[in-house]
Amino acid sequence: MRVKSDLADVDFHLGSIRRGGSGLVIASREGSSLPTVVEVGRDDVLAGMSALLRSPSAFWYVLTVPFRRASAKTANDTVSTVVDQINKPW
C-alpha cells in the first residue's frame, strides 16, 4: 500500500498483524527500508468498518478481492518505484 500525506510518501508493505494491548498492532514487512509499526485502537477499527459498509463499491471490492488478478503495473508505477528507491534518504 502507499501512504501519502503532507509529511510522507511511503510504500508500506504489511508484514504482520497481531493483538496488542487494547487494539491491533500492524508491522511492516521485515527488511523494509523504513520499519513501521501502526497501533490501531478500537475506535479506529470501528470507524474503518463503518466507512467500508457505507461504501458499496469498497465493500464489493473487499468481498471479491480473492478472485481478482493482480493489477499490472503501469510504466509510471515502475518509474516512480525506481526513483523512490534511489532517493530514499534512510
PDB file of N, CA and C in Angstrom:
ATOM      1  N   MET A   1       0.856  -1.166   0.000  1.00  0.00           N
ATOM      2  CA  MET A   1       0.000   0.000   0.000  1.00  0.00           C
ATOM      3  C   MET A   1       0.895   1.218   0.000  1.00  0.00           C
ATOM      4  N   ARG A   2       0.354   2.317  -0.436  1.00  0.00           N
ATOM      5  CA  ARG A   2       1.106   3.564  -0.461  1.00  0.00           C
ATOM      6  C   ARG A   2       0.447   4.540   0.500  1.00  0.00           C
ATOM      7  N   VAL A   3       1.246   5.150   1.352  1.00  0.00           N
ATOM      8  CA  VAL A   3       0.763   6.146   2.298  1.00  0.00           C
ATOM      9  C   VAL A   3       1.248   7.503   1.807  1.00  0.00           C
ATOM     10  N   LYS A   4       0.288   8.393   1.509  1.00  0.00           N
ATOM     11  CA  LYS A   4       0.643   9.737   1.036  1.00  0.00           C
ATOM     12  C   LYS A   4       0.041  10.758   1.981  1.00  0.00           C
ATOM     13  N   SER A   5       0.872  11.702   2.414  1.00  0.00           N
ATOM     14  CA  SER A   5       0.400  12.803   3.243  1.00  0.00           C
ATOM     15  C   SER A   5       1.365  13.962   3.073  1.00  0.00           C
ATOM     16  N   ASP A   6       1.075  15.073   3.738  1.00  0.00           N
ATOM     17  CA  ASP A   6       1.988  16.209   3.685  1.00  0.00           C
ATOM     18  C   ASP A   6       3.325  15.875   4.338  1.00  0.00           C
ATOM     19  N   LEU A   7       3.330  14.900   5.232  1.00  0.00           N
ATOM     20  CA  LEU A   7       4.557  14.536   5.938  1.00  0.00           C
ATOM     21  C   LEU A   7       5.366  13.456   5.246  1.00  0.00           C
ATOM     22  N   ALA A   8       4.709  12.593   4.482  1.00  0.00           N
ATOM     23  CA  ALA A   8       5.432  11.458   3.912  1.00  0.00           C
ATOM     24  C   ALA A   8       4.736  10.919   2.674  1.00  0.00           C
ATOM     25  N   ASP A   9       5.515  10.236   1.859  1.00  0.00           N
ATOM     26  CA  ASP A   9       5.027   9.488   0.709  1.00  0.00           C
ATOM     27  C   ASP A   9       5.796   8.171   0.753  1.00  0.00           C
ATOM     28  N   VAL A  10       5.176   7.152   1.346  1.00  0.00           N
ATOM     29  CA  VAL A  10       5.886   5.934   1.699  1.00  0.00           C
ATOM     30  C   VAL A  10       5.145   4.707   1.179  1.00  0.00           C
ATOM     31  N   ASP A  11       5.917   3.745   0.653  1.00  0.00           N
ATOM     32  CA  ASP A  11       5.359   2.422   0.362  1.00  0.00           C
ATOM     33  C   ASP A  11       5.385   1.636   1.657  1.00  0.00           C
ATOM     34  N   PHE A  12       4.239   1.088   2.033  1.00  0.00           N
ATOM     35  CA  PHE A  12       4.121   0.315   3.270  1.00  0.00           C
ATOM     36  C   PHE A  12       3.621  -1.068   2.894  1.00  0.00           C
ATOM     37  N   HIS A  13       4.407  -2.084   3.212  1.00  0.00           N
ATOM     38  CA  HIS A  13       4.018  -3.465   2.918  1.00  0.00           C
ATOM     39  C   HIS A  13       3.718  -4.164   4.234  1.00  0.00           C
ATOM     40  N   LEU A  14       2.506  -4.695   4.355  1.00  0.00           N
ATOM     41  CA  LEU A  14       2.098  -5.381   5.580  1.00  0.00           C
ATOM     42  C   LEU A  14       2.968  -6.593   5.839  1.00  0.00           C
ATOM     43  N   GLY A  15       3.447  -6.684   7.058  1.00  0.00           N
ATOM     44  CA  GLY A  15       4.233  -7.844   7.450  1.00  0.00           C
ATOM     45  C   GLY A  15       3.470  -8.726   8.415  1.00  0.00           C
ATOM     46  N   SER A  16       2.904  -8.101   9.460  1.00  0.00           N
ATOM     47  CA  SER A  16       2.156  -8.886  10.442  1.00  0.00           C
ATOM     48  C   SER A  16       1.096  -8.019  11.105  1.00  0.00           C
ATOM     49  N   ILE A  17       0.061  -8.700  11.561  1.00  0.00           N
ATOM     50  CA  ILE A  17      -0.999  -8.056  12.342  1.00  0.00           C
ATOM     51  C   ILE A  17      -1.207  -8.937  13.570  1.00  0.00           C
ATOM     52  N   ARG A  18      -1.166  -8.305  14.744  1.00  0.00           N
ATOM     53  CA  ARG A  18      -1.367  -9.075  15.973  1.00  0.00           C
ATOM     54  C   ARG A  18      -2.155  -8.234  16.966  1.00  0.00           C
ATOM     55  N   ARG A  19      -2.669  -8.895  17.951  1.00  0.00           N
ATOM     56  CA  ARG A  19      -3.380  -8.213  19.027  1.00  0.00           C
ATOM     57  C   ARG A  19      -2.333  -7.649  19.972  1.00  0.00           C
ATOM     58  N   GLY A  20      -2.474  -6.403  20.346  1.00  0.00           N
ATOM     59  CA  GLY A  20      -1.526  -5.802  21.266  1.00  0.00           C
ATOM     60  C   GLY A  20      -2.234  -4.805  22.158  1.00  0.00           C
ATOM     61  N   GLY A  21      -2.185  -5.013  23.454  1.00  0.00           N
ATOM     62  CA  GLY A  21      -2.859  -4.101  24.377  1.00  0.00           C
ATOM     63  C   GLY A  21      -4.350  -4.100  24.127  1.00  0.00           C
ATOM     64  N   SER A  22      -4.903  -2.927  23.869  1.00  0.00           N
ATOM     65  CA  SER A  22      -6.351  -2.817  23.661  1.00  0.00           C
ATOM     66  C   SER A  22      -6.722  -2.692  22.184  1.00  0.00           C
ATOM     67  N   GLY A  23      -5.820  -3.053  21.287  1.00  0.00           N
ATOM     68  CA  GLY A  23      -6.119  -2.929  19.859  1.00  0.00           C
ATOM     69  C   GLY A  23      -5.291  -3.879  19.029  1.00  0.00           C
ATOM     70  N   LEU A  24      -4.990  -3.457  17.806  1.00  0.00           N
ATOM     71  CA  LEU A  24      -4.184  -4.240  16.880  1.00  0.00           C
ATOM     72  C   LEU A  24      -2.859  -3.535  16.644  1.00  0.00           C
ATOM     73  N   VAL A  25      -1.830  -4.321  16.406  1.00  0.00           N
ATOM     74  CA  VAL A  25      -0.522  -3.774  16.059  1.00  0.00           C
ATOM     75  C   VAL A  25      -0.179  -4.308  14.672  1.00  0.00           C
ATOM     76  N   ILE A  26       0.013  -3.390  13.726  1.00  0.00           N
ATOM     77  CA  ILE A  26       0.347  -3.754  12.352  1.00  0.00           C
ATOM     78  C   ILE A  26       1.792  -3.357  12.112  1.00  0.00           C
ATOM     79  N   ALA A  27       2.616  -4.319  11.705  1.00  0.00           N
ATOM     80  CA  ALA A  27       4.035  -4.058  11.467  1.00  0.00           C
ATOM     81  C   ALA A  27       4.350  -4.215   9.987  1.00  0.00           C
ATOM     82  N   SER A  28       5.308  -3.423   9.518  1.00  0.00           N
ATOM     83  CA  SER A  28       5.728  -3.530   8.125  1.00  0.00           C
ATOM     84  C   SER A  28       6.506  -4.823   7.914  1.00  0.00           C
ATOM     85  N   ARG A  29       6.628  -5.183   6.672  1.00  0.00           N
ATOM     86  CA  ARG A  29       7.344  -6.392   6.288  1.00  0.00           C
ATOM     87  C   ARG A  29       8.804  -6.304   6.730  1.00  0.00           C
ATOM     88  N   GLU A  30       9.355  -7.434   7.137  1.00  0.00           N
ATOM     89  CA  GLU A  30      10.763  -7.481   7.542  1.00  0.00           C
ATOM     90  C   GLU A  30      11.644  -7.068   6.369  1.00  0.00           C
ATOM     91  N   GLY A  31      12.651  -6.277   6.647  1.00  0.00           N
ATOM     92  CA  GLY A  31      13.556  -5.818   5.599  1.00  0.00           C
ATOM     93  C   GLY A  31      13.107  -4.523   4.939  1.00  0.00           C
ATOM     94  N   SER A  32      12.031  -3.916   5.428  1.00  0.00           N
ATOM     95  CA  SER A  32      11.562  -2.649   4.867  1.00  0.00           C
ATOM     96  C   SER A  32      12.619  -1.577   5.071  1.00  0.00           C
ATOM     97  N   SER A  33      12.696  -0.650   4.116  1.00  0.00           N
ATOM     98  CA  SER A  33      13.681   0.419   4.241  1.00  0.00           C
ATOM     99  C   SER A  33      13.343   1.356   5.394  1.00  0.00           C
ATOM    100  N   LEU A  34      12.068   1.412   5.764  1.00  0.00           N
ATOM    101  CA  LEU A  34      11.637   2.224   6.901  1.00  0.00           C
ATOM    102  C   LEU A  34      10.716   1.362   7.765  1.00  0.00           C
ATOM    103  N   PRO A  35      11.281   0.616   8.722  1.00  0.00           N
ATOM    104  CA  PRO A  35      10.442  -0.239   9.576  1.00  0.00           C
ATOM    105  C   PRO A  35       9.355   0.602  10.258  1.00  0.00           C
ATOM    106  N   THR A  36       8.124   0.123  10.194  1.00  0.00           N
ATOM    107  CA  THR A  36       6.981   0.889  10.690  1.00  0.00           C
ATOM    108  C   THR A  36       6.077   0.007  11.525  1.00  0.00           C
ATOM    109  N   VAL A  37       5.553   0.573  12.606  1.00  0.00           N
ATOM    110  CA  VAL A  37       4.565  -0.106  13.434  1.00  0.00           C
ATOM    111  C   VAL A  37       3.385   0.847  13.594  1.00  0.00           C
ATOM    112  N   VAL A  38       2.180   0.346  13.319  1.00  0.00           N
ATOM    113  CA  VAL A  38       0.959   1.139  13.420  1.00  0.00           C
ATOM    114  C   VAL A  38       0.077   0.515  14.497  1.00  0.00           C
ATOM    115  N   GLU A  39      -0.332   1.315  15.469  1.00  0.00           N
ATOM    116  CA  GLU A  39      -1.238   0.839  16.510  1.00  0.00           C
ATOM    117  C   GLU A  39      -2.645   1.304  16.158  1.00  0.00           C
ATOM    118  N   VAL A  40      -3.567   0.349  16.070  1.00  0.00           N
ATOM    119  CA  VAL A  40      -4.945   0.633  15.686  1.00  0.00           C
ATOM    120  C   VAL A  40      -5.839   0.325  16.876  1.00  0.00           C
ATOM    121  N   GLY A  41      -6.512   1.326  17.374  1.00  0.00           N
ATOM    122  CA  GLY A  41      -7.383   1.158  18.528  1.00  0.00           C
ATOM    123  C   GLY A  41      -8.791   0.745  18.139  1.00  0.00           C
ATOM    124  N   ARG A  42      -9.590   0.460  19.134  1.00  0.00           N
ATOM    125  CA  ARG A  42     -10.977   0.034  18.956  1.00  0.00           C
ATOM    126  C   ARG A  42     -11.756   1.017  18.100  1.00  0.00           C
ATOM    127  N   ASP A  43     -11.646   2.311  18.399  1.00  0.00           N
ATOM    128  CA  ASP A  43     -12.398   3.320  17.649  1.00  0.00           C
ATOM    129  C   ASP A  43     -11.968   3.378  16.189  1.00  0.00           C
ATOM    130  N   ASP A  44     -10.663   3.152  15.930  1.00  0.00           N
ATOM    131  CA  ASP A  44     -10.168   3.142  14.555  1.00  0.00           C
ATOM    132  C   ASP A  44     -10.746   1.961  13.775  1.00  0.00           C
ATOM    133  N   VAL A  45     -10.790   0.796  14.422  1.00  0.00           N
ATOM    134  CA  VAL A  45     -11.340  -0.397  13.772  1.00  0.00           C
ATOM    135  C   VAL A  45     -12.820  -0.176  13.450  1.00  0.00           C
ATOM    136  N   LEU A  46     -13.573   0.338  14.418  1.00  0.00           N
ATOM    137  CA  LEU A  46     -14.995   0.596  14.191  1.00  0.00           C
ATOM    138  C   LEU A  46     -15.212   1.640  13.091  1.00  0.00           C
ATOM    139  N   ALA A  47     -14.397   2.692  13.079  1.00  0.00           N
ATOM    140  CA  ALA A  47     -14.522   3.723  12.037  1.00  0.00           C
ATOM    141  C   ALA A  47     -14.210   3.138  10.662  1.00  0.00           C
ATOM    142  N   GLY A  48     -13.195   2.289  10.585  1.00  0.00           N
ATOM    143  CA  GLY A  48     -12.853   1.654   9.314  1.00  0.00           C
ATOM    144  C   GLY A  48     -13.947   0.729   8.811  1.00  0.00           C
ATOM    145  N   MET A  49     -14.500  -0.075   9.719  1.00  0.00           N
ATOM    146  CA  MET A  49     -15.598  -0.968   9.331  1.00  0.00           C
ATOM    147  C   MET A  49     -16.822  -0.168   8.903  1.00  0.00           C
ATOM    148  N   SER A  50     -17.113   0.903   9.618  1.00  0.00           N
ATOM    149  CA  SER A  50     -18.248   1.747   9.284  1.00  0.00           C
ATOM    150  C   SER A  50     -18.063   2.393   7.908  1.00  0.00           C
ATOM    151  N   ALA A  51     -16.876   2.907   7.649  1.00  0.00           N
ATOM    152  CA  ALA A  51     -16.596   3.532   6.345  1.00  0.00           C
ATOM    153  C   ALA A  51     -16.723   2.504   5.221  1.00  0.00           C
ATOM    154  N   LEU A  52     -16.245   1.287   5.459  1.00  0.00           N
ATOM    155  CA  LEU A  52     -16.335   0.232   4.452  1.00  0.00           C
ATOM    156  C   LEU A  52     -17.790  -0.116   4.157  1.00  0.00           C
ATOM    157  N   LEU A  53     -18.608  -0.211   5.191  1.00  0.00           N
ATOM    158  CA  LEU A  53     -20.017  -0.572   5.000  1.00  0.00           C
ATOM    159  C   LEU A  53     -20.813   0.557   4.338  1.00  0.00           C
ATOM    160  N   ARG A  54     -20.363   1.805   4.472  1.00  0.00           N
ATOM    161  CA  ARG A  54     -21.061   2.931   3.831  1.00  0.00           C
ATOM    162  C   ARG A  54     -20.694   3.097   2.361  1.00  0.00           C
ATOM    163  N   SER A  55     -19.686   2.369   1.906  1.00  0.00           N
ATOM    164  CA  SER A  55     -19.257   2.462   0.516  1.00  0.00           C
ATOM    165  C   SER A  55     -19.493   1.122  -0.173  1.00  0.00           C
ATOM    166  N   PRO A  56     -20.603   0.996  -0.909  1.00  0.00           N
ATOM    167  CA  PRO A  56     -20.892  -0.283  -1.560  1.00  0.00           C
ATOM    168  C   PRO A  56     -19.772  -0.757  -2.495  1.00  0.00           C
ATOM    169  N   SER A  57     -19.132   0.157  -3.215  1.00  0.00           N
ATOM    170  CA  SER A  57     -18.079  -0.260  -4.138  1.00  0.00           C
ATOM    171  C   SER A  57     -16.860  -0.778  -3.375  1.00  0.00           C
ATOM    172  N   ALA A  58     -16.504  -0.142  -2.265  1.00  0.00           N
ATOM    173  CA  ALA A  58     -15.367  -0.611  -1.470  1.00  0.00           C
ATOM    174  C   ALA A  58     -15.703  -1.963  -0.824  1.00  0.00           C
ATOM    175  N   PHE A  59     -16.913  -2.104  -0.316  1.00  0.00           N
ATOM    176  CA  PHE A  59     -17.337  -3.361   0.297  1.00  0.00           C
ATOM    177  C   PHE A  59     -17.305  -4.486  -0.740  1.00  0.00           C
ATOM    178  N   TRP A  60     -17.797  -4.221  -1.940  1.00  0.00           N
ATOM    179  CA  TRP A  60     -17.799  -5.207  -3.018  1.00  0.00           C
ATOM    180  C   TRP A  60     -16.360  -5.583  -3.393  1.00  0.00           C
ATOM    181  N   TYR A  61     -15.479  -4.603  -3.428  1.00  0.00           N
ATOM    182  CA  TYR A  61     -14.074  -4.864  -3.735  1.00  0.00           C
ATOM    183  C   TYR A  61     -13.470  -5.826  -2.713  1.00  0.00           C
ATOM    184  N   VAL A  62     -13.708  -5.575  -1.434  1.00  0.00           N
ATOM    185  CA  VAL A  62     -13.166  -6.436  -0.380  1.00  0.00           C
ATOM    186  C   VAL A  62     -13.705  -7.857  -0.512  1.00  0.00           C
ATOM    187  N   LEU A  63     -14.992  -7.987  -0.835  1.00  0.00           N
ATOM    188  CA  LEU A  63     -15.580  -9.323  -0.982  1.00  0.00           C
ATOM    189  C   LEU A  63     -15.009 -10.079  -2.178  1.00  0.00           C
ATOM    190  N   THR A  64     -14.667  -9.369  -3.250  1.00  0.00           N
ATOM    191  CA  THR A  64     -14.234 -10.030  -4.482  1.00  0.00           C
ATOM    192  C   THR A  64     -12.717 -10.058  -4.677  1.00  0.00           C
ATOM    193  N   VAL A  65     -11.957  -9.416  -3.798  1.00  0.00           N
ATOM    194  CA  VAL A  65     -10.504  -9.337  -3.995  1.00  0.00           C
ATOM    195  C   VAL A  65      -9.819 -10.705  -4.074  1.00  0.00           C
ATOM    196  N   PRO A  66     -10.269 -11.742  -3.376  1.00  0.00           N
ATOM    197  CA  PRO A  66      -9.594 -13.042  -3.529  1.00  0.00           C
ATOM    198  C   PRO A  66      -9.703 -13.618  -4.937  1.00  0.00           C
ATOM    199  N   PHE A  67     -10.676 -13.163  -5.706  1.00  0.00           N
ATOM    200  CA  PHE A  67     -10.915 -13.706  -7.042  1.00  0.00           C
ATOM    201  C   PHE A  67     -10.358 -12.810  -8.142  1.00  0.00           C
ATOM    202  N   ARG A  68      -9.764 -11.706  -7.787  1.00  0.00           N
ATOM    203  CA  ARG A  68      -9.227 -10.768  -8.773  1.00  0.00           C
ATOM    204  C   ARG A  68      -7.771 -11.094  -9.077  1.00  0.00           C
ATOM    205  N   ARG A  69      -7.381 -10.793 -10.298  1.00  0.00           N
ATOM    206  CA  ARG A  69      -5.975 -10.922 -10.667  1.00  0.00           C
ATOM    207  C   ARG A  69      -5.221  -9.710 -10.140  1.00  0.00           C
ATOM    208  N   ALA A  70      -3.935  -9.903  -9.914  1.00  0.00           N
ATOM    209  CA  ALA A  70      -3.105  -8.764  -9.510  1.00  0.00           C
ATOM    210  C   ALA A  70      -3.074  -7.774 -10.658  1.00  0.00           C
ATOM    211  N   SER A  71      -3.184  -6.496 -10.339  1.00  0.00           N
ATOM    212  CA  SER A  71      -3.175  -5.486 -11.392  1.00  0.00           C
ATOM    213  C   SER A  71      -1.766  -5.324 -11.937  1.00  0.00           C
ATOM    214  N   ALA A  72      -1.687  -5.125 -13.239  1.00  0.00           N
ATOM    215  CA  ALA A  72      -0.387  -4.922 -13.884  1.00  0.00           C
ATOM    216  C   ALA A  72       0.105  -3.513 -13.582  1.00  0.00           C
ATOM    217  N   LYS A  73       1.405  -3.392 -13.347  1.00  0.00           N
ATOM    218  CA  LYS A  73       1.978  -2.073 -13.092  1.00  0.00           C
ATOM    219  C   LYS A  73       2.073  -1.312 -14.412  1.00  0.00           C
ATOM    220  N   THR A  74       1.817  -0.026 -14.321  1.00  0.00           N
ATOM    221  CA  THR A  74       1.968   0.815 -15.499  1.00  0.00           C
ATOM    222  C   THR A  74       3.410   1.285 -15.574  1.00  0.00           C
ATOM    223  N   ALA A  75       3.776   1.893 -16.687  1.00  0.00           N
ATOM    224  CA  ALA A  75       5.132   2.434 -16.843  1.00  0.00           C
ATOM    225  C   ALA A  75       5.413   3.481 -15.775  1.00  0.00           C
ATOM    226  N   ASN A  76       4.411   4.294 -15.431  1.00  0.00           N
ATOM    227  CA  ASN A  76       4.600   5.325 -14.403  1.00  0.00           C
ATOM    228  C   ASN A  76       4.875   4.708 -13.039  1.00  0.00           C
ATOM    229  N   ASP A  77       4.228   3.578 -12.710  1.00  0.00           N
ATOM    230  CA  ASP A  77       4.479   2.897 -11.437  1.00  0.00           C
ATOM    231  C   ASP A  77       5.923   2.415 -11.357  1.00  0.00           C
ATOM    232  N   THR A  78       6.414   1.875 -12.469  1.00  0.00           N
ATOM    233  CA  THR A  78       7.782   1.364 -12.499  1.00  0.00           C
ATOM    234  C   THR A  78       8.781   2.494 -12.324  1.00  0.00           C
ATOM    235  N   VAL A  79       8.575   3.594 -13.028  1.00  0.00           N
ATOM    236  CA  VAL A  79       9.483   4.738 -12.931  1.00  0.00           C
ATOM    237  C   VAL A  79       9.478   5.294 -11.520  1.00  0.00           C
ATOM    238  N   SER A  80       8.290   5.492 -10.927  1.00  0.00           N
ATOM    239  CA  SER A  80       8.238   6.061  -9.587  1.00  0.00           C
ATOM    240  C   SER A  80       8.871   5.126  -8.567  1.00  0.00           C
ATOM    241  N   THR A  81       8.758   3.810  -8.750  1.00  0.00           N
ATOM    242  CA  THR A  81       9.381   2.865  -7.834  1.00  0.00           C
ATOM    243  C   THR A  81      10.895   2.971  -7.899  1.00  0.00           C
ATOM    244  N   VAL A  82      11.440   3.061  -9.101  1.00  0.00           N
ATOM    245  CA  VAL A  82      12.890   3.187  -9.265  1.00  0.00           C
ATOM    246  C   VAL A  82      13.371   4.487  -8.654  1.00  0.00           C
ATOM    247  N   VAL A  83      12.691   5.585  -8.922  1.00  0.00           N
ATOM    248  CA  VAL A  83      13.075   6.881  -8.372  1.00  0.00           C
ATOM    249  C   VAL A  83      12.982   6.855  -6.861  1.00  0.00           C
ATOM    250  N   ASP A  84      11.921   6.262  -6.316  1.00  0.00           N
ATOM    251  CA  ASP A  84      11.758   6.190  -4.862  1.00  0.00           C
ATOM    252  C   ASP A  84      12.916   5.414  -4.229  1.00  0.00           C
ATOM    253  N   GLN A  85      13.358   4.331  -4.879  1.00  0.00           N
ATOM    254  CA  GLN A  85      14.430   3.538  -4.306  1.00  0.00           C
ATOM    255  C   GLN A  85      15.770   4.284  -4.341  1.00  0.00           C
ATOM    256  N   ILE A  86      15.961   5.110  -5.351  1.00  0.00           N
ATOM    257  CA  ILE A  86      17.204   5.854  -5.484  1.00  0.00           C
ATOM    258  C   ILE A  86      17.277   6.993  -4.472  1.00  0.00           C
ATOM    259  N   ASN A  87      16.147   7.672  -4.259  1.00  0.00           N
ATOM    260  CA  ASN A  87      16.148   8.895  -3.469  1.00  0.00           C
ATOM    261  C   ASN A  87      15.764   8.725  -2.003  1.00  0.00           C
ATOM    262  N   LYS A  88      15.760   7.507  -1.507  1.00  0.00           N
ATOM    263  CA  LYS A  88      15.408   7.319  -0.091  1.00  0.00           C
ATOM    264  C   LYS A  88      16.570   7.786   0.775  1.00  0.00           C
ATOM    265  N   PRO A  89      16.318   8.729   1.678  1.00  0.00           N
ATOM    266  CA  PRO A  89      17.398   9.273   2.495  1.00  0.00           C
ATOM    267  C   PRO A  89      17.810   8.362   3.646  1.00  0.00           C
ATOM    268  N   TRP A  90      17.112   7.298   3.912  1.00  0.00           N
ATOM    269  CA  TRP A  90      17.463   6.445   5.033  1.00  0.00           C
ATOM    270  C   TRP A  90      18.148   5.194   4.592  1.00  0.00           C
TER     271      TRP A  90
END
